[in-house]
Every structure is written in structure tokens, then in C-alpha cells.
């Protein structure tokens, strides 16, 4: 089943084109990472998918037009933004009771089970919780809804590494299965590299990379070149070269560079690049300083 399908999706704000005739297809049971620099069109794409903004072109989410059929669509879609919008005056028990009263697919027992694994007390007011606990509460409420599509926009922004790991562990172990689909954007790409099934880069309103993680791992290879093989390595025309501690590290696209893994393996030490390293290789010249930080790339 196709969960999201777009053809010629376009959105402009005056003279600024946020989405430039993009095509997009996401199948059921996948976890897609939508990665791009600030202003690339990520938020606009999410807003269109969630029925929060009108658009040009064709877009179907779970077979529905999200702008004209948003009420029906929201029965099958959940969304977590970078700021968990839960009423700060409410107690945890009241938040659970509210969602149980308004959403027909909410499983209260499942939410209680998720919260039992945390330090969150039912009597606490949301304003008394840490940011990490608020995110845990939001996730518990969302995971207890039997939604077909979960959209996550920077869900762990501002959380420490422990909370981020707990978040994605819960998502994979307690929520995700082949009947659910997840679309996620995040700055902390290293957190999700082993979570994703599919990867998509967006820049200046266009999709510039669309592949499965299986293809990513077989197609791209990074080599720390032995000094004596530097001339031979450069002759193969890597898509990107950087210097680390006086050694050249080159990134090759085995699909388009007309080289195979055995060739590059003779040049030095081989490994699979990180998502952020591929992002820098593909878009670094276009995004300037934003793409210049390998571990904290703003995407």
C-alpha cells in the first residue's frame, strides 16, 4: 500500500518557491528520513502532507486529499512537532483522559503501559515535567493511537543523548511494525541512521536523493586513502574529498563513478559513510557553513 504519493507538488510563498514540482512516494511499513538544510522545504512538505497548507499538484496521503479531507485523514495520522504542544496546566492523568475522550483509536491501557516504564507520575502537572519527560508523555499518547502514519518533526530537539536513545528505542520496539509508517525529520541524523529504512535529501524545494538504506549502504563507500595510493585514488574522481589528521578521505558513488568496491578497497581503509557525511558531499557547496559540520550538520 502506498501511504504518501505526490506528483508535481509545488508550493510558493510570493516569489519564494518552497516546493518545486517534487515527486514523492512512501510505501507502508517504512521509516523515511527527510533530510535537508534550513529553508529546504521540509516543513512545507510536512504541512502539505498533514493538510495544514494548500498546494499545487497531486498529493494523496492514505488515499486522501489532505487539504480537502483533513478531518478524515487525521483519524489515521499522528504528529509530533519539535515543541510538544501539551497544556502545561494539565495533570498527566488529565491529558490521558482527554485523548481517550476525543480519539476513537486511543488505547488507554497501552498509554499506561508506556508511562509505567518512565518516572512520570500521573499526578504531576505537565509544567513540572522536564523537557525529556514531556516528550516521553507525548510519545506515549501518540503510540497508544493506532495511526497508520506517524509524522515526526525534530521530535528529540533539545534532548540529551539518553532521552534521544530511549525515544527511538521505544519507537522501534513498542510502536513500529509493518502496518505503521513513520516520516521523520531531525538535526541529529546519527541518532536515526540505524532506524531508517529509506532516505531522502531535499534542497531548495527539490528532491536530490531518494534511496533505501540498503541502497545507501551498497552504493556509497568512504575510503581513508593510504598516502602511496593518493594519485590513483584521485584519478577515480570521488564525489567528495576531505582531510582528517593529514589523511585524505574520499567518498565514492559506486553507481555513477564507474568503480567497484574492490577497486577502492585497494586504496585504503573502507567503510560506509554516515548520512551527514553524504549530505555534506552532495550539498556542502550549496549550503555553505550549514553543511560544514560533520557531526552537527544542520539538516
C-alpha atoms as a PDB file:
ATOM      1  CA  UNK A   1       0.000   0.000   0.000  1.00  0.00           C
ATOM      2  CA  UNK A   2       1.235   3.493  -0.867  1.00  0.00           C
ATOM      3  CA  UNK A   3       0.919   5.785   2.146  1.00  0.00           C
ATOM      4  CA  UNK A   4       2.135   9.063   0.605  1.00  0.00           C
ATOM      5  CA  UNK A   5       2.221   9.817  -3.112  1.00  0.00           C
ATOM      6  CA  UNK A   6       2.920  13.191  -4.691  1.00  0.00           C
ATOM      7  CA  UNK A   7       3.333  14.263  -8.315  1.00  0.00           C
ATOM      8  CA  UNK A   8       4.437  17.754  -9.278  1.00  0.00           C
ATOM      9  CA  UNK A   9       3.912  19.015  -5.721  1.00  0.00           C
ATOM     10  CA  UNK A  10       4.502  22.760  -5.656  1.00  0.00           C
ATOM     11  CA  UNK A  11       4.167  25.473  -3.033  1.00  0.00           C
ATOM     12  CA  UNK A  12       5.256  29.098  -3.306  1.00  0.00           C
ATOM     13  CA  UNK A  13       5.150  31.958  -0.831  1.00  0.00           C
ATOM     14  CA  UNK A  14       5.151  35.008  -3.074  1.00  0.00           C
ATOM     15  CA  UNK A  15       8.288  34.747  -5.169  1.00  0.00           C
ATOM     16  CA  UNK A  16       9.850  32.117  -2.879  1.00  0.00           C
ATOM     17  CA  UNK A  17       9.356  28.566  -4.142  1.00  0.00           C
ATOM     18  CA  UNK A  18       9.320  26.205  -1.145  1.00  0.00           C
ATOM     19  CA  UNK A  19       8.430  23.031  -3.087  1.00  0.00           C
ATOM     20  CA  UNK A  20       9.423  22.879  -6.729  1.00  0.00           C
ATOM     21  CA  UNK A  21       7.365  20.212  -8.523  1.00  0.00           C
ATOM     22  CA  UNK A  22       8.553  17.308  -6.392  1.00  0.00           C
ATOM     23  CA  UNK A  23       7.563  13.670  -6.777  1.00  0.00           C
ATOM     24  CA  UNK A  24       7.358  11.582  -3.618  1.00  0.00           C
ATOM     25  CA  UNK A  25       6.308   8.034  -2.810  1.00  0.00           C
ATOM     26  CA  UNK A  26       6.333   6.320   0.583  1.00  0.00           C
ATOM     27  CA  UNK A  27       5.154   2.746   0.999  1.00  0.00           C
ATOM     28  CA  UNK A  28       3.529   1.189   4.041  1.00  0.00           C
ATOM     29  CA  UNK A  29       5.810  -0.155   6.755  1.00  0.00           C
ATOM     30  CA  UNK A  30       8.744   2.144   6.013  1.00  0.00           C
ATOM     31  CA  UNK A  31      10.664   4.675   8.125  1.00  0.00           C
ATOM     32  CA  UNK A  32      11.670   7.592   5.907  1.00  0.00           C
ATOM     33  CA  UNK A  33      14.176  10.259   6.936  1.00  0.00           C
ATOM     34  CA  UNK A  34      13.530  13.556   5.135  1.00  0.00           C
ATOM     35  CA  UNK A  35      16.784  15.494   5.402  1.00  0.00           C
ATOM     36  CA  UNK A  36      17.599  18.994   4.211  1.00  0.00           C
ATOM     37  CA  UNK A  37      19.122  22.325   5.247  1.00  0.00           C
ATOM     38  CA  UNK A  38      17.045  25.021   6.884  1.00  0.00           C
ATOM     39  CA  UNK A  39      14.729  26.534   4.287  1.00  0.00           C
ATOM     40  CA  UNK A  40      14.944  23.494   2.005  1.00  0.00           C
ATOM     41  CA  UNK A  41      11.195  22.787   2.068  1.00  0.00           C
ATOM     42  CA  UNK A  42      10.953  20.114   4.775  1.00  0.00           C
ATOM     43  CA  UNK A  43       8.394  21.890   6.945  1.00  0.00           C
ATOM     44  CA  UNK A  44       6.337  22.932   3.928  1.00  0.00           C
ATOM     45  CA  UNK A  45       6.276  19.327   2.717  1.00  0.00           C
ATOM     46  CA  UNK A  46       5.167  18.102   6.157  1.00  0.00           C
ATOM     47  CA  UNK A  47       2.475  20.794   6.340  1.00  0.00           C
ATOM     48  CA  UNK A  48       1.131  19.753   2.948  1.00  0.00           C
ATOM     49  CA  UNK A  49       1.099  16.080   3.969  1.00  0.00           C
ATOM     50  CA  UNK A  50      -0.739  16.969   7.195  1.00  0.00           C
ATOM     51  CA  UNK A  51      -3.297  19.128   5.403  1.00  0.00           C
ATOM     52  CA  UNK A  52      -2.077  22.329   7.052  1.00  0.00           C
ATOM     53  CA  UNK A  53      -1.351  24.267   3.855  1.00  0.00           C
ATOM     54  CA  UNK A  54      -2.806  24.307   0.326  1.00  0.00           C
ATOM     55  CA  UNK A  55      -0.581  23.309  -2.582  1.00  0.00           C
ATOM     56  CA  UNK A  56      -0.443  22.789  -6.322  1.00  0.00           C
ATOM     57  CA  UNK A  57      -0.029  19.396  -7.950  1.00  0.00           C
ATOM     58  CA  UNK A  58      -1.242  15.992  -6.836  1.00  0.00           C
ATOM     59  CA  UNK A  59      -0.908  14.691  -3.281  1.00  0.00           C
ATOM     60  CA  UNK A  60      -2.547  11.689  -1.678  1.00  0.00           C
ATOM     61  CA  UNK A  61      -1.982  10.571   1.906  1.00  0.00           C
ATOM     62  CA  UNK A  62      -3.539   7.198   2.718  1.00  0.00           C
ATOM     63  CA  UNK A  63      -5.566   7.654  -0.460  1.00  0.00           C
ATOM     64  CA  UNK A  64      -6.996  11.017   0.651  1.00  0.00           C
ATOM     65  CA  UNK A  65      -6.500  14.635  -0.384  1.00  0.00           C
ATOM     66  CA  UNK A  66      -5.029  16.060   2.841  1.00  0.00           C
ATOM     67  CA  UNK A  67      -6.266  19.625   2.238  1.00  0.00           C
ATOM     68  CA  UNK A  68      -9.876  18.728   1.446  1.00  0.00           C
ATOM     69  CA  UNK A  69     -10.217  15.580   3.561  1.00  0.00           C
ATOM     70  CA  UNK A  70      -8.153  16.503   6.601  1.00  0.00           C
ATOM     71  CA  UNK A  71     -10.804  15.581   9.178  1.00  0.00           C
ATOM     72  CA  UNK A  72     -10.988  12.001   7.937  1.00  0.00           C
ATOM     73  CA  UNK A  73      -7.210  11.790   7.415  1.00  0.00           C
ATOM     74  CA  UNK A  74      -6.416  12.772  10.998  1.00  0.00           C
ATOM     75  CA  UNK A  75      -8.081   9.590  12.239  1.00  0.00           C
ATOM     76  CA  UNK A  76      -5.147   7.687  10.742  1.00  0.00           C
ATOM     77  CA  UNK A  77      -2.279  10.180  11.185  1.00  0.00           C
ATOM     78  CA  UNK A  78      -0.379  11.354  14.286  1.00  0.00           C
ATOM     79  CA  UNK A  79       2.118  14.187  14.520  1.00  0.00           C
ATOM     80  CA  UNK A  80       4.862  15.121  16.987  1.00  0.00           C
ATOM     81  CA  UNK A  81       6.453  18.545  16.453  1.00  0.00           C
ATOM     82  CA  UNK A  82       9.730  19.901  17.821  1.00  0.00           C
ATOM     83  CA  UNK A  83       7.729  21.524  20.619  1.00  0.00           C
ATOM     84  CA  UNK A  84       5.315  19.148  22.342  1.00  0.00           C
ATOM     85  CA  UNK A  85       2.059  21.124  22.437  1.00  0.00           C
ATOM     86  CA  UNK A  86       0.541  19.729  25.614  1.00  0.00           C
ATOM     87  CA  UNK A  87      -1.331  22.062  28.024  1.00  0.00           C
ATOM     88  CA  UNK A  88       1.139  22.966  30.757  1.00  0.00           C
ATOM     89  CA  UNK A  89      -1.598  23.486  33.369  1.00  0.00           C
ATOM     90  CA  UNK A  90      -2.970  19.932  32.987  1.00  0.00           C
ATOM     91  CA  UNK A  91      -2.017  16.936  35.054  1.00  0.00           C
ATOM     92  CA  UNK A  92      -0.706  13.835  33.294  1.00  0.00           C
ATOM     93  CA  UNK A  93      -3.891  11.941  34.204  1.00  0.00           C
ATOM     94  CA  UNK A  94      -5.996  14.716  32.635  1.00  0.00           C
ATOM     95  CA  UNK A  95      -4.001  14.612  29.398  1.00  0.00           C
ATOM     96  CA  UNK A  96      -4.600  10.860  29.165  1.00  0.00           C
ATOM     97  CA  UNK A  97      -8.307  11.262  29.910  1.00  0.00           C
ATOM     98  CA  UNK A  98      -8.643  13.997  27.284  1.00  0.00           C
ATOM     99  CA  UNK A  99      -7.047  11.984  24.473  1.00  0.00           C
ATOM    100  CA  UNK A 100      -9.122   8.936  25.485  1.00  0.00           C
ATOM    101  CA  UNK A 101     -12.253  11.064  25.177  1.00  0.00           C
ATOM    102  CA  UNK A 102     -11.549  12.634  21.777  1.00  0.00           C
ATOM    103  CA  UNK A 103      -9.736   9.981  19.742  1.00  0.00           C
ATOM    104  CA  UNK A 104     -11.625   6.798  18.820  1.00  0.00           C
ATOM    105  CA  UNK A 105      -8.415   4.804  18.246  1.00  0.00           C
ATOM    106  CA  UNK A 106      -6.715   5.626  21.534  1.00  0.00           C
ATOM    107  CA  UNK A 107      -5.833   2.629  23.724  1.00  0.00           C
ATOM    108  CA  UNK A 108      -5.635   3.902  27.299  1.00  0.00           C
ATOM    109  CA  UNK A 109      -4.119   0.687  28.640  1.00  0.00           C
ATOM    110  CA  UNK A 110      -1.327   0.892  26.088  1.00  0.00           C
ATOM    111  CA  UNK A 111      -0.547   4.510  27.088  1.00  0.00           C
ATOM    112  CA  UNK A 112      -0.466   3.490  30.751  1.00  0.00           C
ATOM    113  CA  UNK A 113       1.918   0.678  29.870  1.00  0.00           C
ATOM    114  CA  UNK A 114       4.305   3.049  28.114  1.00  0.00           C
ATOM    115  CA  UNK A 115       4.269   5.506  31.015  1.00  0.00           C
ATOM    116  CA  UNK A 116       4.932   2.709  33.527  1.00  0.00           C
ATOM    117  CA  UNK A 117       8.424   2.445  32.003  1.00  0.00           C
ATOM    118  CA  UNK A 118       9.162   6.099  32.848  1.00  0.00           C
ATOM    119  CA  UNK A 119       9.446   8.195  36.028  1.00  0.00           C
ATOM    120  CA  UNK A 120       6.373  10.255  35.098  1.00  0.00           C
ATOM    121  CA  UNK A 121       3.710  10.430  37.810  1.00  0.00           C
ATOM    122  CA  UNK A 122       0.034  10.716  36.894  1.00  0.00           C
ATOM    123  CA  UNK A 123      -0.475  13.454  39.488  1.00  0.00           C
ATOM    124  CA  UNK A 124       2.261  15.711  38.082  1.00  0.00           C
ATOM    125  CA  UNK A 125       1.335  18.792  36.106  1.00  0.00           C
ATOM    126  CA  UNK A 126       2.923  18.978  32.689  1.00  0.00           C
ATOM    127  CA  UNK A 127       4.690  22.223  33.603  1.00  0.00           C
ATOM    128  CA  UNK A 128       6.505  20.305  36.346  1.00  0.00           C
ATOM    129  CA  UNK A 129       7.992  17.785  33.920  1.00  0.00           C
ATOM    130  CA  UNK A 130      11.395  18.095  32.296  1.00  0.00           C
ATOM    131  CA  UNK A 131      11.530  18.537  28.536  1.00  0.00           C
ATOM    132  CA  UNK A 132      12.531  14.907  28.182  1.00  0.00           C
ATOM    133  CA  UNK A 133       9.569  13.765  30.256  1.00  0.00           C
ATOM    134  CA  UNK A 134       7.169  15.911  28.218  1.00  0.00           C
ATOM    135  CA  UNK A 135       8.499  14.225  25.075  1.00  0.00           C
ATOM    136  CA  UNK A 136       8.057  10.803  26.706  1.00  0.00           C
ATOM    137  CA  UNK A 137       4.470  11.684  27.632  1.00  0.00           C
ATOM    138  CA  UNK A 138       3.738  12.958  24.142  1.00  0.00           C
ATOM    139  CA  UNK A 139       5.189   9.804  22.627  1.00  0.00           C
ATOM    140  CA  UNK A 140       3.164   7.583  24.980  1.00  0.00           C
ATOM    141  CA  UNK A 141      -0.059   9.346  23.982  1.00  0.00           C
ATOM    142  CA  UNK A 142       0.751   9.122  20.279  1.00  0.00           C
ATOM    143  CA  UNK A 143       1.953   5.496  20.327  1.00  0.00           C
ATOM    144  CA  UNK A 144      -1.292   4.477  22.042  1.00  0.00           C
ATOM    145  CA  UNK A 145      -3.219   5.651  18.978  1.00  0.00           C
ATOM    146  CA  UNK A 146      -3.463   3.061  16.227  1.00  0.00           C
ATOM    147  CA  UNK A 147      -2.399   5.512  13.495  1.00  0.00           C
ATOM    148  CA  UNK A 148      -1.228   4.300  10.115  1.00  0.00           C
ATOM    149  CA  UNK A 149       1.164   7.237   9.634  1.00  0.00           C
ATOM    150  CA  UNK A 150       3.324   8.928  12.276  1.00  0.00           C
ATOM    151  CA  UNK A 151       4.992  12.222  11.329  1.00  0.00           C
ATOM    152  CA  UNK A 152       7.903  13.377  13.498  1.00  0.00           C
ATOM    153  CA  UNK A 153       9.347  16.864  13.012  1.00  0.00           C
ATOM    154  CA  UNK A 154      12.510  17.243  15.114  1.00  0.00           C
ATOM    155  CA  UNK A 155      10.955  15.076  17.866  1.00  0.00           C
ATOM    156  CA  UNK A 156      14.064  14.976  20.076  1.00  0.00           C
ATOM    157  CA  UNK A 157      15.274  18.549  19.613  1.00  0.00           C
ATOM    158  CA  UNK A 158      16.954  19.783  22.782  1.00  0.00           C
ATOM    159  CA  UNK A 159      17.024  16.385  24.483  1.00  0.00           C
ATOM    160  CA  UNK A 160      20.205  14.785  25.773  1.00  0.00           C
ATOM    161  CA  UNK A 161      21.588  11.633  24.179  1.00  0.00           C
ATOM    162  CA  UNK A 162      19.995   9.313  26.773  1.00  0.00           C
ATOM    163  CA  UNK A 163      16.470  10.603  26.155  1.00  0.00           C
ATOM    164  CA  UNK A 164      17.038  10.527  22.396  1.00  0.00           C
ATOM    165  CA  UNK A 165      18.093   6.869  22.540  1.00  0.00           C
ATOM    166  CA  UNK A 166      15.123   5.991  24.748  1.00  0.00           C
ATOM    167  CA  UNK A 167      12.804   7.782  22.335  1.00  0.00           C
ATOM    168  CA  UNK A 168      13.919   5.839  19.264  1.00  0.00           C
ATOM    169  CA  UNK A 169      14.161   2.555  21.161  1.00  0.00           C
ATOM    170  CA  UNK A 170      10.531   2.989  22.267  1.00  0.00           C
ATOM    171  CA  UNK A 171       9.505   3.935  18.761  1.00  0.00           C
ATOM    172  CA  UNK A 172      11.037   0.796  17.265  1.00  0.00           C
ATOM    173  CA  UNK A 173      10.234  -1.718  19.994  1.00  0.00           C
ATOM    174  CA  UNK A 174       6.796  -0.546  21.119  1.00  0.00           C
ATOM    175  CA  UNK A 175       5.251   1.156  18.088  1.00  0.00           C
ATOM    176  CA  UNK A 176       6.718   0.339  14.699  1.00  0.00           C
ATOM    177  CA  UNK A 177       5.610  -2.671  12.709  1.00  0.00           C
ATOM    178  CA  UNK A 178       4.859  -3.347   9.066  1.00  0.00           C
ATOM    179  CA  UNK A 179       1.390  -1.810   9.393  1.00  0.00           C
ATOM    180  CA  UNK A 180       2.767   1.558  10.548  1.00  0.00           C
ATOM    181  CA  UNK A 181       4.728   4.109   8.544  1.00  0.00           C
ATOM    182  CA  UNK A 182       6.972   6.827  10.003  1.00  0.00           C
ATOM    183  CA  UNK A 183       8.200  10.048   8.396  1.00  0.00           C
ATOM    184  CA  UNK A 184      10.884  11.847  10.413  1.00  0.00           C
ATOM    185  CA  UNK A 185      12.994  14.984  10.104  1.00  0.00           C
ATOM    186  CA  UNK A 186      15.807  15.662  12.569  1.00  0.00           C
ATOM    187  CA  UNK A 187      19.074  17.521  13.056  1.00  0.00           C
ATOM    188  CA  UNK A 188      20.542  14.568  14.966  1.00  0.00           C
ATOM    189  CA  UNK A 189      20.958  12.314  11.944  1.00  0.00           C
ATOM    190  CA  UNK A 190      23.407   9.962  13.651  1.00  0.00           C
ATOM    191  CA  UNK A 191      20.574   9.018  16.027  1.00  0.00           C
ATOM    192  CA  UNK A 192      18.403   7.716  13.197  1.00  0.00           C
ATOM    193  CA  UNK A 193      20.875   6.189  10.735  1.00  0.00           C
ATOM    194  CA  UNK A 194      20.236   2.691  12.103  1.00  0.00           C
ATOM    195  CA  UNK A 195      16.497   3.346  12.425  1.00  0.00           C
ATOM    196  CA  UNK A 196      15.641   4.372   8.859  1.00  0.00           C
ATOM    197  CA  UNK A 197      14.591   2.106   6.021  1.00  0.00           C
ATOM    198  CA  UNK A 198      14.639   4.942   3.465  1.00  0.00           C
ATOM    199  CA  UNK A 199      16.475   8.227   2.992  1.00  0.00           C
ATOM    200  CA  UNK A 200      15.539  11.376   1.114  1.00  0.00           C
ATOM    201  CA  UNK A 201      17.512  14.625   0.726  1.00  0.00           C
ATOM    202  CA  UNK A 202      15.622  17.804  -0.121  1.00  0.00           C
ATOM    203  CA  UNK A 203      17.280  21.086  -1.091  1.00  0.00           C
ATOM    204  CA  UNK A 204      15.829  24.308  -2.472  1.00  0.00           C
ATOM    205  CA  UNK A 205      12.455  22.664  -2.837  1.00  0.00           C
ATOM    206  CA  UNK A 206      13.702  19.704  -4.868  1.00  0.00           C
ATOM    207  CA  UNK A 207      14.374  16.056  -4.009  1.00  0.00           C
ATOM    208  CA  UNK A 208      18.072  15.456  -4.689  1.00  0.00           C
ATOM    209  CA  UNK A 209      18.395  11.934  -3.273  1.00  0.00           C
ATOM    210  CA  UNK A 210      15.812   9.200  -2.834  1.00  0.00           C
ATOM    211  CA  UNK A 211      17.025   5.723  -1.900  1.00  0.00           C
ATOM    212  CA  UNK A 212      16.550   2.863   0.516  1.00  0.00           C
ATOM    213  CA  UNK A 213      19.103   2.380   3.273  1.00  0.00           C
ATOM    214  CA  UNK A 214      20.070  -0.921   1.650  1.00  0.00           C
ATOM    215  CA  UNK A 215      20.963   1.012  -1.499  1.00  0.00           C
ATOM    216  CA  UNK A 216      22.729   3.682   0.555  1.00  0.00           C
ATOM    217  CA  UNK A 217      24.975   1.070   2.175  1.00  0.00           C
ATOM    218  CA  UNK A 218      25.797  -0.707  -1.075  1.00  0.00           C
ATOM    219  CA  UNK A 219      26.125   2.378  -3.266  1.00  0.00           C
ATOM    220  CA  UNK A 220      28.280   4.766  -1.226  1.00  0.00           C
ATOM    221  CA  UNK A 221      31.699   3.986   0.196  1.00  0.00           C
ATOM    222  CA  UNK A 222      34.237   6.114   2.042  1.00  0.00           C
ATOM    223  CA  UNK A 223      37.976   5.402   1.899  1.00  0.00           C
ATOM    224  CA  UNK A 224      40.789   6.697   4.102  1.00  0.00           C
ATOM    225  CA  UNK A 225      43.418   6.618   1.380  1.00  0.00           C
ATOM    226  CA  UNK A 226      46.918   5.318   2.044  1.00  0.00           C
ATOM    227  CA  UNK A 227      49.393   8.076   1.080  1.00  0.00           C
ATOM    228  CA  UNK A 228      51.082   5.949  -1.591  1.00  0.00           C
ATOM    229  CA  UNK A 229      47.716   5.489  -3.373  1.00  0.00           C
ATOM    230  CA  UNK A 230      46.625   9.137  -3.337  1.00  0.00           C
ATOM    231  CA  UNK A 231      47.280   9.818  -7.036  1.00  0.00           C
ATOM    232  CA  UNK A 232      45.470   6.639  -8.097  1.00  0.00           C
ATOM    233  CA  UNK A 233      42.533   7.462  -5.800  1.00  0.00           C
ATOM    234  CA  UNK A 234      42.131  10.970  -7.202  1.00  0.00           C
ATOM    235  CA  UNK A 235      42.173   9.560 -10.727  1.00  0.00           C
ATOM    236  CA  UNK A 236      38.911   7.743  -9.878  1.00  0.00           C
ATOM    237  CA  UNK A 237      37.237  11.144  -9.279  1.00  0.00           C
ATOM    238  CA  UNK A 238      35.486  10.742  -5.932  1.00  0.00           C
ATOM    239  CA  UNK A 239      32.415  12.869  -5.363  1.00  0.00           C
ATOM    240  CA  UNK A 240      33.982  14.388  -2.248  1.00  0.00           C
ATOM    241  CA  UNK A 241      37.371  14.583  -0.545  1.00  0.00           C
ATOM    242  CA  UNK A 242      38.219  15.872   2.923  1.00  0.00           C
ATOM    243  CA  UNK A 243      41.317  15.928   5.104  1.00  0.00           C
ATOM    244  CA  UNK A 244      41.497  14.375   8.585  1.00  0.00           C
ATOM    245  CA  UNK A 245      44.770  14.342  10.529  1.00  0.00           C
ATOM    246  CA  UNK A 246      46.752  14.702   7.336  1.00  0.00           C
ATOM    247  CA  UNK A 247      44.989  11.813   5.573  1.00  0.00           C
ATOM    248  CA  UNK A 248      42.654  12.111   2.591  1.00  0.00           C
ATOM    249  CA  UNK A 249      39.205  10.625   2.971  1.00  0.00           C
ATOM    250  CA  UNK A 250      37.285  10.183  -0.286  1.00  0.00           C
ATOM    251  CA  UNK A 251      33.639   9.333  -0.812  1.00  0.00           C
ATOM    252  CA  UNK A 252      32.656   7.355  -3.914  1.00  0.00           C
ATOM    253  CA  UNK A 253      29.308   6.719  -5.548  1.00  0.00           C
ATOM    254  CA  UNK A 254      29.733   3.181  -6.883  1.00  0.00           C
ATOM    255  CA  UNK A 255      26.635   3.514  -9.039  1.00  0.00           C
ATOM    256  CA  UNK A 256      27.771   6.524 -11.061  1.00  0.00           C
ATOM    257  CA  UNK A 257      31.541   6.694 -10.593  1.00  0.00           C
ATOM    258  CA  UNK A 258      32.125   3.501 -12.611  1.00  0.00           C
ATOM    259  CA  UNK A 259      34.252   1.937  -9.895  1.00  0.00           C
ATOM    260  CA  UNK A 260      33.614  -1.123  -7.797  1.00  0.00           C
ATOM    261  CA  UNK A 261      34.182  -1.803  -4.127  1.00  0.00           C
ATOM    262  CA  UNK A 262      37.229  -3.992  -4.752  1.00  0.00           C
ATOM    263  CA  UNK A 263      38.954  -1.146  -6.615  1.00  0.00           C
ATOM    264  CA  UNK A 264      38.544   1.366  -3.816  1.00  0.00           C
ATOM    265  CA  UNK A 265      39.350  -1.247  -1.165  1.00  0.00           C
ATOM    266  CA  UNK A 266      42.880  -1.459  -2.586  1.00  0.00           C
ATOM    267  CA  UNK A 267      43.354   2.256  -1.956  1.00  0.00           C
ATOM    268  CA  UNK A 268      42.971   2.251   1.811  1.00  0.00           C
ATOM    269  CA  UNK A 269      40.605   1.629   4.702  1.00  0.00           C
ATOM    270  CA  UNK A 270      36.966   1.325   3.586  1.00  0.00           C
ATOM    271  CA  UNK A 271      33.744   1.992   5.486  1.00  0.00           C
ATOM    272  CA  UNK A 272      30.155   3.073   4.905  1.00  0.00           C
ATOM    273  CA  UNK A 273      29.789   6.862   5.282  1.00  0.00           C
ATOM    274  CA  UNK A 274      27.350   8.439   7.696  1.00  0.00           C
ATOM    275  CA  UNK A 275      24.257  10.211   6.416  1.00  0.00           C
ATOM    276  CA  UNK A 276      25.709  13.572   7.419  1.00  0.00           C
ATOM    277  CA  UNK A 277      28.934  12.864   5.507  1.00  0.00           C
ATOM    278  CA  UNK A 278      26.972  12.038   2.355  1.00  0.00           C
ATOM    279  CA  UNK A 279      24.870  15.157   2.869  1.00  0.00           C
ATOM    280  CA  UNK A 280      27.998  17.315   3.051  1.00  0.00           C
ATOM    281  CA  UNK A 281      29.437  15.593  -0.023  1.00  0.00           C
ATOM    282  CA  UNK A 282      26.306  16.222  -2.084  1.00  0.00           C
ATOM    283  CA  UNK A 283      25.180  19.613  -0.808  1.00  0.00           C
ATOM    284  CA  UNK A 284      28.082  21.196   1.049  1.00  0.00           C
ATOM    285  CA  UNK A 285      28.917  23.676  -1.704  1.00  0.00           C
ATOM    286  CA  UNK A 286      25.285  24.751  -1.928  1.00  0.00           C
ATOM    287  CA  UNK A 287      24.515  25.106   1.772  1.00  0.00           C
ATOM    288  CA  UNK A 288      27.729  26.810   2.876  1.00  0.00           C
ATOM    289  CA  UNK A 289      28.515  26.850   6.573  1.00  0.00           C
ATOM    290  CA  UNK A 290      25.395  24.851   7.460  1.00  0.00           C
ATOM    291  CA  UNK A 291      26.901  21.804   5.838  1.00  0.00           C
ATOM    292  CA  UNK A 292      30.366  22.334   7.172  1.00  0.00           C
ATOM    293  CA  UNK A 293      29.983  20.467  10.455  1.00  0.00           C
ATOM    294  CA  UNK A 294      30.229  16.712  10.057  1.00  0.00           C
ATOM    295  CA  UNK A 295      28.694  15.774  13.403  1.00  0.00           C
ATOM    296  CA  UNK A 296      26.246  18.656  13.902  1.00  0.00           C
ATOM    297  CA  UNK A 297      25.143  19.281  10.362  1.00  0.00           C
ATOM    298  CA  UNK A 298      22.072  21.500  10.250  1.00  0.00           C
ATOM    299  CA  UNK A 299      19.714  19.343   8.255  1.00  0.00           C
END
